[in-house]
Amino acid sequence: MSGTMSGTLTAGDAVTVRLVKEPRPEVRYPATVVRDDGTHVVVRAPWAGADTRDFGFVRFEKGDVFTEHYWRDRWYAVKEVRDAAGAVKGWYCDVTRPARVEADGLVVTDLDLDLWLSADGATVLRLDEDEFDESGIAERDPVAAGHARQALDDLEEIARSGGFAGLLGR
């Protein structure tokens, strides 16, 4: 992984994405840097799961490609999901702590809350609020819990008011 001393990543480089999911094991997967402006990092990666994962509202499967948008100053990540033929399936959003670039890759700490926006914009789903409540973060780290809840609200508002094109720089 090359880049500058400031921790920016270089387009075209390989990077490992580390999705920290305490207390569960973290997930690591390879990606390619699309761009990094010092605040907004974009990487592209194939579906990292060993098997198809059917959520009911979408299936992630071999051949799917994720274009993942992370920010160093926002409490979420937005992942555009395309199938093997290039058709958009939708956007899966993770509520996270702001992303960090470290020696071993791009590190993102997942805070359990998620949001799904279907490709046609008709379906917006808030996900895993029960897991978030059960995680104990509200007691352990009330400031982070507040940021997380606000991030989910912000993502839902963006999704319902026309989608993520403006946010993602399109």
Protein backbone atom coordinates (compact mmCIF):
# COMPACT_ATOMS: atom_id res chain seq x y z
CA MET A 1 0.00 0.00 0.00
CA SER A 2 1.63 3.21 -1.10
CA GLY A 3 0.46 6.72 -0.37
CA THR A 4 1.70 9.80 1.35
CA MET A 5 2.77 10.30 4.95
CA SER A 6 -0.55 12.01 5.61
CA GLY A 7 -2.29 8.67 5.27
CA THR A 8 -3.91 9.19 1.91
CA LEU A 9 -4.19 6.25 -0.44
CA THR A 10 -3.13 6.19 -4.09
CA ALA A 11 -5.61 5.35 -6.86
CA GLY A 12 -4.96 1.92 -8.33
CA ASP A 13 -3.21 0.56 -5.25
CA ALA A 14 -4.31 -2.57 -3.46
CA VAL A 15 -5.53 -2.04 0.11
CA THR A 16 -6.94 -4.27 2.82
CA VAL A 17 -10.24 -3.13 4.29
CA ARG A 18 -10.55 -4.06 7.98
CA LEU A 19 -14.14 -3.97 9.19
CA VAL A 20 -13.94 -4.12 12.99
CA LYS A 21 -17.13 -5.63 14.42
CA GLU A 22 -16.57 -5.83 18.18
CA PRO A 23 -17.06 -8.20 19.92
CA ARG A 24 -17.37 -10.37 16.79
CA PRO A 25 -14.29 -11.17 14.71
CA GLU A 26 -13.26 -8.47 12.30
CA VAL A 27 -13.64 -8.96 8.56
CA ARG A 28 -10.67 -8.33 6.23
CA TYR A 29 -10.84 -8.23 2.47
CA PRO A 30 -8.80 -6.92 -0.45
CA ALA A 31 -9.89 -3.86 -2.41
CA THR A 32 -8.51 -1.47 -4.99
CA VAL A 33 -8.29 2.25 -4.28
CA VAL A 34 -10.40 4.30 -6.70
CA ARG A 35 -9.63 7.68 -5.14
CA ASP A 36 -8.77 9.40 -1.87
CA ASP A 37 -9.02 13.17 -1.42
CA GLY A 38 -7.85 13.09 2.19
CA THR A 39 -11.41 12.99 3.57
CA HIS A 40 -13.40 10.73 1.23
CA VAL A 41 -11.90 7.34 0.32
CA VAL A 42 -13.40 5.19 -2.43
CA VAL A 43 -12.40 1.56 -2.93
CA ARG A 44 -13.76 -1.23 -5.12
CA ALA A 45 -13.94 -4.85 -4.05
CA PRO A 46 -15.64 -8.07 -5.08
CA TRP A 47 -18.16 -9.62 -2.67
CA ALA A 48 -15.92 -10.91 0.11
CA GLY A 49 -18.25 -13.57 1.47
CA ALA A 50 -17.48 -17.22 0.85
CA ASP A 51 -21.14 -17.94 0.16
CA THR A 52 -24.22 -16.15 -1.11
CA ARG A 53 -25.86 -14.11 1.63
CA ASP A 54 -29.61 -13.65 1.24
CA PHE A 55 -31.00 -10.82 3.34
CA GLY A 56 -34.53 -11.20 1.95
CA PHE A 57 -34.43 -7.77 0.33
CA VAL A 58 -31.15 -8.41 -1.57
CA ARG A 59 -28.71 -11.25 -2.22
CA PHE A 60 -24.97 -10.66 -2.13
CA GLU A 61 -23.27 -13.30 -4.23
CA LYS A 62 -20.15 -14.24 -6.14
CA GLY A 63 -19.57 -11.76 -8.95
CA ASP A 64 -21.08 -8.80 -7.11
CA VAL A 65 -18.86 -5.72 -6.98
CA PHE A 66 -18.96 -3.18 -4.16
CA THR A 67 -17.83 0.42 -4.68
CA GLU A 68 -17.34 1.53 -1.09
CA HIS A 69 -17.29 5.14 0.08
CA TYR A 70 -15.70 5.94 3.43
CA TRP A 71 -15.15 9.27 5.14
CA ARG A 72 -12.66 10.32 7.77
CA ASP A 73 -15.15 12.87 9.14
CA ARG A 74 -18.49 11.03 8.93
CA TRP A 75 -20.01 8.23 10.94
CA TYR A 76 -21.07 6.05 8.00
CA ALA A 77 -19.98 4.25 4.84
CA VAL A 78 -22.02 3.86 1.65
CA LYS A 79 -21.49 0.81 -0.54
CA GLU A 80 -22.91 0.70 -4.06
CA VAL A 81 -23.62 -2.93 -4.96
CA ARG A 82 -23.61 -4.11 -8.58
CA ASP A 83 -24.19 -7.58 -9.93
CA ALA A 84 -21.71 -9.40 -12.18
CA ALA A 85 -23.31 -7.82 -15.29
CA GLY A 86 -22.88 -4.32 -13.83
CA ALA A 87 -26.51 -3.60 -12.92
CA VAL A 88 -26.98 -1.69 -9.66
CA LYS A 89 -28.66 -3.77 -6.95
CA GLY A 90 -28.73 -0.93 -4.44
CA TRP A 91 -26.75 0.77 -1.69
CA TYR A 92 -25.86 -0.87 1.61
CA CYS A 93 -24.86 1.65 4.25
CA ASP A 94 -22.96 0.87 7.44
CA VAL A 95 -23.02 3.20 10.42
CA THR A 96 -19.38 3.30 11.52
CA ARG A 97 -16.84 5.37 13.33
CA PRO A 98 -14.96 7.64 10.90
CA ALA A 99 -12.54 5.66 8.71
CA ARG A 100 -8.80 5.57 9.43
CA VAL A 101 -5.86 4.72 7.23
CA GLU A 102 -3.32 2.64 9.14
CA ALA A 103 -0.20 0.73 8.12
CA ASP A 104 -2.22 -2.44 7.52
CA GLY A 105 -5.06 -0.85 5.56
CA LEU A 106 -8.29 1.06 5.75
CA VAL A 107 -9.85 0.53 9.17
CA VAL A 108 -13.55 1.02 9.83
CA THR A 109 -15.33 0.20 13.10
CA ASP A 110 -18.89 -1.00 12.50
CA LEU A 111 -21.53 0.21 14.97
CA ASP A 112 -24.24 -2.34 13.98
CA LEU A 113 -26.75 0.09 12.46
CA ASP A 114 -27.31 -0.28 8.70
CA LEU A 115 -29.52 1.10 5.96
CA TRP A 116 -30.51 -0.35 2.59
CA LEU A 117 -31.68 1.63 -0.46
CA SER A 118 -32.89 -0.40 -3.44
CA ALA A 119 -31.69 0.45 -6.95
CA ASP A 120 -35.10 1.86 -7.90
CA GLY A 121 -35.18 4.03 -4.77
CA ALA A 122 -38.51 2.52 -3.68
CA THR A 123 -37.23 0.58 -0.67
CA VAL A 124 -35.45 2.20 2.27
CA LEU A 125 -34.84 -0.11 5.23
CA ARG A 126 -33.33 0.72 8.62
CA LEU A 127 -31.54 -2.42 9.76
CA ASP A 128 -30.14 -3.94 12.95
CA GLU A 129 -31.47 -1.38 15.42
CA ASP A 130 -32.07 -4.27 17.84
CA GLU A 131 -28.41 -5.33 17.60
CA PHE A 132 -27.35 -1.75 18.24
CA ASP A 133 -29.56 -1.50 21.33
CA GLU A 134 -28.28 -4.86 22.63
CA SER A 135 -24.64 -3.90 22.05
CA GLY A 136 -24.57 -1.70 25.15
CA ILE A 137 -22.87 1.15 23.31
CA ALA A 138 -25.38 3.67 24.64
CA GLU A 139 -24.08 2.96 28.16
CA ARG A 140 -20.42 2.33 27.25
CA ASP A 141 -19.97 5.25 24.86
CA PRO A 142 -23.02 7.54 24.78
CA VAL A 143 -21.27 10.10 22.54
CA ALA A 144 -20.57 7.46 19.87
CA ALA A 145 -24.12 6.11 20.24
CA GLY A 146 -25.48 9.59 19.60
CA HIS A 147 -23.31 9.99 16.49
CA ALA A 148 -24.46 6.57 15.28
CA ARG A 149 -28.17 7.31 15.68
CA GLN A 150 -27.72 10.68 13.95
CA ALA A 151 -25.80 9.01 11.10
CA LEU A 152 -28.63 6.53 10.52
CA ASP A 153 -31.16 9.37 10.49
CA ASP A 154 -28.97 11.33 8.04
CA LEU A 155 -28.60 8.32 5.73
CA GLU A 156 -32.35 7.73 5.74
CA GLU A 157 -33.03 11.38 4.92
CA ILE A 158 -30.54 11.28 2.01
CA ALA A 159 -31.99 8.00 0.73
CA ARG A 160 -35.58 9.28 0.84
CA SER A 161 -34.74 12.64 -0.76
CA GLY A 162 -33.30 11.39 -4.02
CA GLY A 163 -30.60 8.88 -3.15
CA PHE A 164 -26.85 8.94 -2.82
CA ALA A 165 -25.70 10.38 -6.19
CA GLY A 166 -24.89 13.83 -4.78
CA LEU A 167 -23.18 12.43 -1.70
CA LEU A 168 -21.01 10.10 -3.76
CA GLY A 169 -19.86 12.81 -6.15
CA ARG A 170 -21.92 11.95 -9.19
